[in-house]
C-alpha cells in the first residue's frame, strides 16, 4: 500500500517549536512527528510513501537519509510555494499512478493521506476495508467533536456540505436541503483515496482538497465519512497539544 504524508505547512501555530525546524521534526518523547506517522503507516502495510515538503525542506530530506528512510521507499515532493492539501496531492499524483512494470499493480488500490501533525489510534486497516466495501471515491475519518470548521454528511454518510463559524451551512447535494437533518462532524486529517480521484481534480494551483470533495459530492460521487469517535485523536498543531500528547503517552492513555 502507498501513502502520502502532508508535511509542507509552515507550522506557525507550533512556534516557537518550529522556529528552527519543520513541524514534521517536532519531537514528542524523543520521537519526531514524522517518525511516528511513518511507523503507524508501516504497521498497517504501507511500504511506499511520498512526503510533501516546503518549510526547512532540506532538514527533512537529510533526516530521512540519516535514518535510511526508516526501511521504506520514500519520495519527497518539494513545493516552492505552498499548494495546500489539494494542490499538494495533485502535484504528487504521479506517485500513485499504475506502475506497469509491477505485475501486482492494478492501479486501483486505494492509498492513505495522513497529516503529519495528527496523532491517533484510528484503525486504518478497518478504514481501508470500509472504503473498499463501500466502493467510495474517498473516505474521510471524522468524529463528533468541537472544531471551527465542520463537514456535513447525510444519513448514508455521504458528504453533503460544510459549516464554518457563524455563517449558514453550505449544502452541495441537491437531495439535501438546509431544513433537513445533517450529521455535523469534524474531519481528522486522515483520508483513504481511490486513485481515480486524481484525474477528477480539476482545480489548479493552491487549493484545499475539501474543495474538490465538495464539488465531487455535488456530482453525487461517493465521498464518505468513517466514524472514528471511539479512537484517540489529537491535533498536534500547537505547543499545548504537543505537551498534552506527551503526557498522554507517559500515562499510557495512548500507546504507539
C-alpha atoms as a PDB file:
ATOM      1  CA  UNK A   1       0.000   0.000   0.000  1.00  0.00           C
ATOM      2  CA  UNK A   2       1.083   3.572  -0.676  1.00  0.00           C
ATOM      3  CA  UNK A   3       0.517   6.750   1.337  1.00  0.00           C
ATOM      4  CA  UNK A   4       1.121  10.476   1.307  1.00  0.00           C
ATOM      5  CA  UNK A   5       2.126  12.453   4.387  1.00  0.00           C
ATOM      6  CA  UNK A   6       1.169  16.121   4.290  1.00  0.00           C
ATOM      7  CA  UNK A   7       4.097  17.914   5.927  1.00  0.00           C
ATOM      8  CA  UNK A   8       4.683  21.087   3.903  1.00  0.00           C
ATOM      9  CA  UNK A   9       2.959  23.609   6.170  1.00  0.00           C
ATOM     10  CA  UNK A  10       4.818  26.386   7.951  1.00  0.00           C
ATOM     11  CA  UNK A  11       3.731  25.210  11.381  1.00  0.00           C
ATOM     12  CA  UNK A  12       3.087  28.778  12.525  1.00  0.00           C
ATOM     13  CA  UNK A  13       0.756  27.651  15.323  1.00  0.00           C
ATOM     14  CA  UNK A  14       3.594  25.495  16.681  1.00  0.00           C
ATOM     15  CA  UNK A  15       6.008  28.368  17.206  1.00  0.00           C
ATOM     16  CA  UNK A  16       8.449  28.592  18.904  1.00  0.00           C
ATOM     17  CA  UNK A  17       8.909  24.844  18.317  1.00  0.00           C
ATOM     18  CA  UNK A  18       9.106  25.469  14.554  1.00  0.00           C
ATOM     19  CA  UNK A  19      11.430  28.479  14.656  1.00  0.00           C
ATOM     20  CA  UNK A  20      14.375  26.254  13.702  1.00  0.00           C
ATOM     21  CA  UNK A  21      12.761  23.142  12.252  1.00  0.00           C
ATOM     22  CA  UNK A  22       9.767  21.966  10.199  1.00  0.00           C
ATOM     23  CA  UNK A  23       6.723  20.761  12.091  1.00  0.00           C
ATOM     24  CA  UNK A  24       7.421  17.213  10.889  1.00  0.00           C
ATOM     25  CA  UNK A  25      10.582  17.190  13.042  1.00  0.00           C
ATOM     26  CA  UNK A  26       8.976  18.465  16.233  1.00  0.00           C
ATOM     27  CA  UNK A  27       9.532  15.784  18.876  1.00  0.00           C
ATOM     28  CA  UNK A  28       7.317  14.062  21.414  1.00  0.00           C
ATOM     29  CA  UNK A  29       9.133  11.885  23.952  1.00  0.00           C
ATOM     30  CA  UNK A  30      12.218  11.729  21.732  1.00  0.00           C
ATOM     31  CA  UNK A  31      10.387  10.802  18.524  1.00  0.00           C
ATOM     32  CA  UNK A  32       9.540  13.170  15.696  1.00  0.00           C
ATOM     33  CA  UNK A  33       6.018  13.577  14.391  1.00  0.00           C
ATOM     34  CA  UNK A  34       7.276  12.271  11.046  1.00  0.00           C
ATOM     35  CA  UNK A  35       8.773   9.124  12.575  1.00  0.00           C
ATOM     36  CA  UNK A  36       5.558   8.402  14.476  1.00  0.00           C
ATOM     37  CA  UNK A  37       3.449   8.841  11.339  1.00  0.00           C
ATOM     38  CA  UNK A  38       5.753   6.648   9.239  1.00  0.00           C
ATOM     39  CA  UNK A  39       5.772   3.978  11.937  1.00  0.00           C
ATOM     40  CA  UNK A  40       1.997   3.969  12.085  1.00  0.00           C
ATOM     41  CA  UNK A  41       1.664   3.679   8.326  1.00  0.00           C
ATOM     42  CA  UNK A  42       4.270   0.915   8.168  1.00  0.00           C
ATOM     43  CA  UNK A  43       2.360  -1.051  10.831  1.00  0.00           C
ATOM     44  CA  UNK A  44      -0.670  -1.333   8.520  1.00  0.00           C
ATOM     45  CA  UNK A  45       1.291  -2.472   5.491  1.00  0.00           C
ATOM     46  CA  UNK A  46       2.335   0.787   3.849  1.00  0.00           C
ATOM     47  CA  UNK A  47       5.746   0.400   2.229  1.00  0.00           C
ATOM     48  CA  UNK A  48       5.843   3.365  -0.168  1.00  0.00           C
ATOM     49  CA  UNK A  49       5.345   6.970   0.939  1.00  0.00           C
ATOM     50  CA  UNK A  50       5.594  10.402  -0.630  1.00  0.00           C
ATOM     51  CA  UNK A  51       6.011  13.422   1.655  1.00  0.00           C
ATOM     52  CA  UNK A  52       5.384  16.995   0.552  1.00  0.00           C
ATOM     53  CA  UNK A  53       7.888  19.487   1.976  1.00  0.00           C
ATOM     54  CA  UNK A  54       8.428  23.244   1.956  1.00  0.00           C
ATOM     55  CA  UNK A  55       9.420  24.790   5.315  1.00  0.00           C
ATOM     56  CA  UNK A  56      13.012  23.684   6.177  1.00  0.00           C
ATOM     57  CA  UNK A  57      12.664  21.098   3.397  1.00  0.00           C
ATOM     58  CA  UNK A  58      16.357  20.157   3.371  1.00  0.00           C
ATOM     59  CA  UNK A  59      16.186  19.213   7.052  1.00  0.00           C
ATOM     60  CA  UNK A  60      13.508  16.625   6.285  1.00  0.00           C
ATOM     61  CA  UNK A  61      15.479  15.233   3.339  1.00  0.00           C
ATOM     62  CA  UNK A  62      18.610  14.898   5.487  1.00  0.00           C
ATOM     63  CA  UNK A  63      16.621  13.383   8.369  1.00  0.00           C
ATOM     64  CA  UNK A  64      15.208  10.688   6.096  1.00  0.00           C
ATOM     65  CA  UNK A  65      18.656   9.964   4.633  1.00  0.00           C
ATOM     66  CA  UNK A  66      20.217   9.696   8.100  1.00  0.00           C
ATOM     67  CA  UNK A  67      17.533   7.207   9.158  1.00  0.00           C
ATOM     68  CA  UNK A  68      17.705   5.199   5.916  1.00  0.00           C
ATOM     69  CA  UNK A  69      14.086   6.159   5.157  1.00  0.00           C
ATOM     70  CA  UNK A  70      13.018   4.041   8.152  1.00  0.00           C
ATOM     71  CA  UNK A  71      13.188   0.963   5.938  1.00  0.00           C
ATOM     72  CA  UNK A  72      10.583   2.261   3.495  1.00  0.00           C
ATOM     73  CA  UNK A  73      10.589   3.552  -0.066  1.00  0.00           C
ATOM     74  CA  UNK A  74      10.138   7.300   0.413  1.00  0.00           C
ATOM     75  CA  UNK A  75       9.973  10.105  -2.127  1.00  0.00           C
ATOM     76  CA  UNK A  76       9.839  13.825  -1.444  1.00  0.00           C
ATOM     77  CA  UNK A  77       7.614  16.312  -3.263  1.00  0.00           C
ATOM     78  CA  UNK A  78       9.139  19.790  -2.932  1.00  0.00           C
ATOM     79  CA  UNK A  79       6.766  22.732  -3.052  1.00  0.00           C
ATOM     80  CA  UNK A  80       8.457  26.026  -3.888  1.00  0.00           C
ATOM     81  CA  UNK A  81       5.175  27.706  -2.990  1.00  0.00           C
ATOM     82  CA  UNK A  82       2.694  26.095  -0.620  1.00  0.00           C
ATOM     83  CA  UNK A  83      -0.024  24.266  -2.561  1.00  0.00           C
ATOM     84  CA  UNK A  84      -2.384  23.384   0.324  1.00  0.00           C
ATOM     85  CA  UNK A  85      -3.760  19.860   0.698  1.00  0.00           C
ATOM     86  CA  UNK A  86      -5.386  19.550  -2.717  1.00  0.00           C
ATOM     87  CA  UNK A  87      -2.629  21.181  -4.713  1.00  0.00           C
ATOM     88  CA  UNK A  88      -0.023  19.167  -2.835  1.00  0.00           C
ATOM     89  CA  UNK A  89      -1.762  15.885  -3.616  1.00  0.00           C
ATOM     90  CA  UNK A  90      -2.238  16.851  -7.265  1.00  0.00           C
ATOM     91  CA  UNK A  91       1.486  17.616  -7.600  1.00  0.00           C
ATOM     92  CA  UNK A  92       2.303  14.194  -6.153  1.00  0.00           C
ATOM     93  CA  UNK A  93      -0.260  12.329  -8.282  1.00  0.00           C
ATOM     94  CA  UNK A  94       2.441  10.633 -10.366  1.00  0.00           C
ATOM     95  CA  UNK A  95       3.405   8.597  -7.286  1.00  0.00           C
ATOM     96  CA  UNK A  96       0.045   6.829  -7.270  1.00  0.00           C
ATOM     97  CA  UNK A  97      -0.445   6.015 -10.947  1.00  0.00           C
ATOM     98  CA  UNK A  98      -0.220   2.448 -12.153  1.00  0.00           C
ATOM     99  CA  UNK A  99       3.274   1.021 -12.404  1.00  0.00           C
ATOM    100  CA  UNK A 100       3.138  -1.199 -15.497  1.00  0.00           C
ATOM    101  CA  UNK A 101       6.451  -2.829 -14.559  1.00  0.00           C
ATOM    102  CA  UNK A 102       4.866  -4.360 -11.460  1.00  0.00           C
ATOM    103  CA  UNK A 103       2.616  -7.368 -12.108  1.00  0.00           C
ATOM    104  CA  UNK A 104       0.921  -6.892  -8.712  1.00  0.00           C
ATOM    105  CA  UNK A 105      -0.141  -3.332  -9.502  1.00  0.00           C
ATOM    106  CA  UNK A 106      -3.641  -2.785 -10.883  1.00  0.00           C
ATOM    107  CA  UNK A 107      -3.572   0.978 -10.464  1.00  0.00           C
ATOM    108  CA  UNK A 108      -6.810   0.728  -8.467  1.00  0.00           C
ATOM    109  CA  UNK A 109      -5.523   0.187  -4.919  1.00  0.00           C
ATOM    110  CA  UNK A 110      -6.544   2.986  -2.572  1.00  0.00           C
ATOM    111  CA  UNK A 111      -3.904   4.972  -0.743  1.00  0.00           C
ATOM    112  CA  UNK A 112      -3.777   6.783   2.590  1.00  0.00           C
ATOM    113  CA  UNK A 113      -3.315  10.534   3.030  1.00  0.00           C
ATOM    114  CA  UNK A 114      -2.259  11.477   6.572  1.00  0.00           C
ATOM    115  CA  UNK A 115      -1.454  14.861   8.128  1.00  0.00           C
ATOM    116  CA  UNK A 116       1.929  14.772   9.854  1.00  0.00           C
ATOM    117  CA  UNK A 117       0.590  16.775  12.814  1.00  0.00           C
ATOM    118  CA  UNK A 118      -2.128  14.313  13.760  1.00  0.00           C
ATOM    119  CA  UNK A 119      -1.748  11.615  16.422  1.00  0.00           C
ATOM    120  CA  UNK A 120      -4.416   8.936  16.606  1.00  0.00           C
ATOM    121  CA  UNK A 121      -5.245   5.281  17.128  1.00  0.00           C
ATOM    122  CA  UNK A 122      -7.798   5.240  14.304  1.00  0.00           C
ATOM    123  CA  UNK A 123      -7.890   1.723  12.840  1.00  0.00           C
ATOM    124  CA  UNK A 124      -6.507   2.348   9.359  1.00  0.00           C
ATOM    125  CA  UNK A 125      -6.994  -1.260   8.246  1.00  0.00           C
ATOM    126  CA  UNK A 126     -10.664  -1.091   9.184  1.00  0.00           C
ATOM    127  CA  UNK A 127     -10.953   2.259   7.452  1.00  0.00           C
ATOM    128  CA  UNK A 128      -9.446   0.879   4.221  1.00  0.00           C
ATOM    129  CA  UNK A 129     -11.809  -2.101   4.381  1.00  0.00           C
ATOM    130  CA  UNK A 130     -14.777   0.241   4.849  1.00  0.00           C
ATOM    131  CA  UNK A 131     -13.588   2.261   1.847  1.00  0.00           C
ATOM    132  CA  UNK A 132     -13.248  -0.823  -0.352  1.00  0.00           C
ATOM    133  CA  UNK A 133     -16.559  -2.339   0.731  1.00  0.00           C
ATOM    134  CA  UNK A 134     -18.346   0.964   0.020  1.00  0.00           C
ATOM    135  CA  UNK A 135     -16.649   1.453  -3.381  1.00  0.00           C
ATOM    136  CA  UNK A 136     -16.024   5.043  -2.307  1.00  0.00           C
ATOM    137  CA  UNK A 137     -14.056   7.641  -4.207  1.00  0.00           C
ATOM    138  CA  UNK A 138     -12.718   8.972  -0.907  1.00  0.00           C
ATOM    139  CA  UNK A 139     -13.298   8.131   2.750  1.00  0.00           C
ATOM    140  CA  UNK A 140     -12.688  10.693   5.491  1.00  0.00           C
ATOM    141  CA  UNK A 141     -12.106   9.823   9.142  1.00  0.00           C
ATOM    142  CA  UNK A 142     -14.433  12.047  11.194  1.00  0.00           C
ATOM    143  CA  UNK A 143     -15.519  12.492  14.785  1.00  0.00           C
ATOM    144  CA  UNK A 144     -18.321  14.170  16.669  1.00  0.00           C
ATOM    145  CA  UNK A 145     -16.210  16.786  18.450  1.00  0.00           C
ATOM    146  CA  UNK A 146     -15.916  20.573  18.554  1.00  0.00           C
ATOM    147  CA  UNK A 147     -13.950  22.350  15.842  1.00  0.00           C
ATOM    148  CA  UNK A 148     -14.008  25.657  13.963  1.00  0.00           C
ATOM    149  CA  UNK A 149     -14.908  24.019  10.651  1.00  0.00           C
ATOM    150  CA  UNK A 150     -17.333  21.154  10.194  1.00  0.00           C
ATOM    151  CA  UNK A 151     -18.224  18.814   7.360  1.00  0.00           C
ATOM    152  CA  UNK A 152     -21.844  17.791   6.850  1.00  0.00           C
ATOM    153  CA  UNK A 153     -22.948  14.262   5.977  1.00  0.00           C
ATOM    154  CA  UNK A 154     -26.337  12.750   5.198  1.00  0.00           C
ATOM    155  CA  UNK A 155     -27.856   9.600   6.711  1.00  0.00           C
ATOM    156  CA  UNK A 156     -25.824   7.481   4.298  1.00  0.00           C
ATOM    157  CA  UNK A 157     -22.572   9.082   5.495  1.00  0.00           C
ATOM    158  CA  UNK A 158     -22.247  10.860   2.161  1.00  0.00           C
ATOM    159  CA  UNK A 159     -20.596  14.291   2.207  1.00  0.00           C
ATOM    160  CA  UNK A 160     -23.239  16.941   1.555  1.00  0.00           C
ATOM    161  CA  UNK A 161     -21.783  20.245   2.756  1.00  0.00           C
ATOM    162  CA  UNK A 162     -19.691  22.215   5.217  1.00  0.00           C
ATOM    163  CA  UNK A 163     -20.202  24.698   8.009  1.00  0.00           C
ATOM    164  CA  UNK A 164     -17.704  27.181   9.452  1.00  0.00           C
ATOM    165  CA  UNK A 165     -18.170  29.900  12.033  1.00  0.00           C
ATOM    166  CA  UNK A 166     -21.340  31.985  12.307  1.00  0.00           C
ATOM    167  CA  UNK A 167     -22.267  31.671   8.615  1.00  0.00           C
ATOM    168  CA  UNK A 168     -25.089  29.480   7.374  1.00  0.00           C
ATOM    169  CA  UNK A 169     -24.196  25.873   6.466  1.00  0.00           C
ATOM    170  CA  UNK A 170     -23.311  25.336   2.806  1.00  0.00           C
ATOM    171  CA  UNK A 171     -25.061  22.351   1.213  1.00  0.00           C
ATOM    172  CA  UNK A 172     -23.846  20.917  -2.092  1.00  0.00           C
ATOM    173  CA  UNK A 173     -26.055  17.875  -2.563  1.00  0.00           C
ATOM    174  CA  UNK A 174     -29.363  18.775  -4.280  1.00  0.00           C
ATOM    175  CA  UNK A 175     -31.128  15.955  -2.437  1.00  0.00           C
ATOM    176  CA  UNK A 176     -30.469  17.543   0.949  1.00  0.00           C
ATOM    177  CA  UNK A 177     -31.918  20.924   1.863  1.00  0.00           C
ATOM    178  CA  UNK A 178     -30.921  23.098   4.854  1.00  0.00           C
ATOM    179  CA  UNK A 179     -34.085  22.220   6.784  1.00  0.00           C
ATOM    180  CA  UNK A 180     -33.181  18.517   6.693  1.00  0.00           C
ATOM    181  CA  UNK A 181     -31.049  16.902   9.367  1.00  0.00           C
ATOM    182  CA  UNK A 182     -27.350  16.501   8.617  1.00  0.00           C
ATOM    183  CA  UNK A 183     -24.576  14.923  10.662  1.00  0.00           C
ATOM    184  CA  UNK A 184     -22.203  17.700  11.743  1.00  0.00           C
ATOM    185  CA  UNK A 185     -18.734  16.159  12.081  1.00  0.00           C
ATOM    186  CA  UNK A 186     -15.092  17.173  12.455  1.00  0.00           C
ATOM    187  CA  UNK A 187     -12.521  15.949   9.932  1.00  0.00           C
ATOM    188  CA  UNK A 188      -9.469  14.213  11.401  1.00  0.00           C
ATOM    189  CA  UNK A 189      -6.874  14.834   8.668  1.00  0.00           C
ATOM    190  CA  UNK A 190      -6.824  11.184   7.569  1.00  0.00           C
ATOM    191  CA  UNK A 191      -8.285  10.052   4.234  1.00  0.00           C
ATOM    192  CA  UNK A 192      -8.431   6.906   2.109  1.00  0.00           C
ATOM    193  CA  UNK A 193      -8.476   7.806  -1.585  1.00  0.00           C
ATOM    194  CA  UNK A 194      -9.096   5.825  -4.769  1.00  0.00           C
ATOM    195  CA  UNK A 195      -6.544   6.729  -7.483  1.00  0.00           C
ATOM    196  CA  UNK A 196      -9.282   7.613  -9.966  1.00  0.00           C
ATOM    197  CA  UNK A 197      -9.955  10.740  -7.892  1.00  0.00           C
ATOM    198  CA  UNK A 198      -6.624  12.145  -9.073  1.00  0.00           C
ATOM    199  CA  UNK A 199      -7.880  12.518 -12.641  1.00  0.00           C
ATOM    200  CA  UNK A 200     -11.018  14.263 -11.357  1.00  0.00           C
ATOM    201  CA  UNK A 201      -9.218  17.087  -9.540  1.00  0.00           C
ATOM    202  CA  UNK A 202      -9.817  19.958 -11.984  1.00  0.00           C
ATOM    203  CA  UNK A 203      -8.714  22.668  -9.544  1.00  0.00           C
ATOM    204  CA  UNK A 204      -5.297  24.242 -10.146  1.00  0.00           C
ATOM    205  CA  UNK A 205      -2.604  25.912  -8.051  1.00  0.00           C
ATOM    206  CA  UNK A 206      -3.023  26.042  -4.291  1.00  0.00           C
ATOM    207  CA  UNK A 207      -6.366  24.649  -3.098  1.00  0.00           C
ATOM    208  CA  UNK A 208      -7.846  22.587  -0.296  1.00  0.00           C
ATOM    209  CA  UNK A 209      -8.761  19.006  -1.106  1.00  0.00           C
ATOM    210  CA  UNK A 210     -12.065  19.702   0.648  1.00  0.00           C
ATOM    211  CA  UNK A 211     -12.910  21.984  -2.299  1.00  0.00           C
ATOM    212  CA  UNK A 212     -12.537  19.012  -4.643  1.00  0.00           C
ATOM    213  CA  UNK A 213     -14.511  16.755  -2.316  1.00  0.00           C
ATOM    214  CA  UNK A 214     -17.438  19.181  -2.143  1.00  0.00           C
ATOM    215  CA  UNK A 215     -17.511  19.642  -5.927  1.00  0.00           C
ATOM    216  CA  UNK A 216     -17.445  15.884  -6.487  1.00  0.00           C
ATOM    217  CA  UNK A 217     -20.070  15.307  -3.796  1.00  0.00           C
ATOM    218  CA  UNK A 218     -22.323  17.754  -5.652  1.00  0.00           C
ATOM    219  CA  UNK A 219     -21.903  15.474  -8.682  1.00  0.00           C
ATOM    220  CA  UNK A 220     -23.094  12.579  -6.488  1.00  0.00           C
ATOM    221  CA  UNK A 221     -19.678  10.946  -6.230  1.00  0.00           C
ATOM    222  CA  UNK A 222     -19.150   8.828  -3.107  1.00  0.00           C
ATOM    223  CA  UNK A 223     -17.243  10.927  -0.592  1.00  0.00           C
ATOM    224  CA  UNK A 224     -17.961   9.079   2.645  1.00  0.00           C
ATOM    225  CA  UNK A 225     -17.484   9.525   6.371  1.00  0.00           C
ATOM    226  CA  UNK A 226     -15.774   6.910   8.519  1.00  0.00           C
ATOM    227  CA  UNK A 227     -16.957   7.441  12.089  1.00  0.00           C
ATOM    228  CA  UNK A 228     -13.908   7.282  14.355  1.00  0.00           C
ATOM    229  CA  UNK A 229     -15.410   8.500  17.639  1.00  0.00           C
ATOM    230  CA  UNK A 230     -14.087   5.603  19.734  1.00  0.00           C
ATOM    231  CA  UNK A 231     -10.443   6.237  18.868  1.00  0.00           C
ATOM    232  CA  UNK A 232      -7.861   8.553  20.388  1.00  0.00           C
ATOM    233  CA  UNK A 233      -7.161  11.608  18.217  1.00  0.00           C
ATOM    234  CA  UNK A 234      -5.201  14.796  18.824  1.00  0.00           C
ATOM    235  CA  UNK A 235      -4.240  17.716  16.602  1.00  0.00           C
ATOM    236  CA  UNK A 236      -0.565  18.481  17.232  1.00  0.00           C
ATOM    237  CA  UNK A 237      -0.786  21.919  15.670  1.00  0.00           C
ATOM    238  CA  UNK A 238       0.165  23.914  18.776  1.00  0.00           C
ATOM    239  CA  UNK A 239       2.650  23.526  21.678  1.00  0.00           C
ATOM    240  CA  UNK A 240      -0.110  22.895  24.218  1.00  0.00           C
ATOM    241  CA  UNK A 241      -1.421  19.893  22.310  1.00  0.00           C
ATOM    242  CA  UNK A 242       2.111  18.565  21.798  1.00  0.00           C
ATOM    243  CA  UNK A 243       2.668  18.755  25.564  1.00  0.00           C
ATOM    244  CA  UNK A 244      -0.672  17.039  26.212  1.00  0.00           C
ATOM    245  CA  UNK A 245       0.152  14.260  23.756  1.00  0.00           C
ATOM    246  CA  UNK A 246       3.466  13.703  25.550  1.00  0.00           C
ATOM    247  CA  UNK A 247       1.562  13.435  28.827  1.00  0.00           C
ATOM    248  CA  UNK A 248      -0.940  11.017  27.282  1.00  0.00           C
ATOM    249  CA  UNK A 249       1.912   8.792  26.086  1.00  0.00           C
ATOM    250  CA  UNK A 250       3.575   8.920  29.501  1.00  0.00           C
ATOM    251  CA  UNK A 251       0.316   7.981  31.256  1.00  0.00           C
ATOM    252  CA  UNK A 252      -0.360   5.325  28.572  1.00  0.00           C
ATOM    253  CA  UNK A 253      -3.611   6.933  27.511  1.00  0.00           C
ATOM    254  CA  UNK A 254      -2.261   6.118  24.067  1.00  0.00           C
ATOM    255  CA  UNK A 255       0.425   3.585  23.136  1.00  0.00           C
ATOM    256  CA  UNK A 256       2.330   3.592  19.881  1.00  0.00           C
END
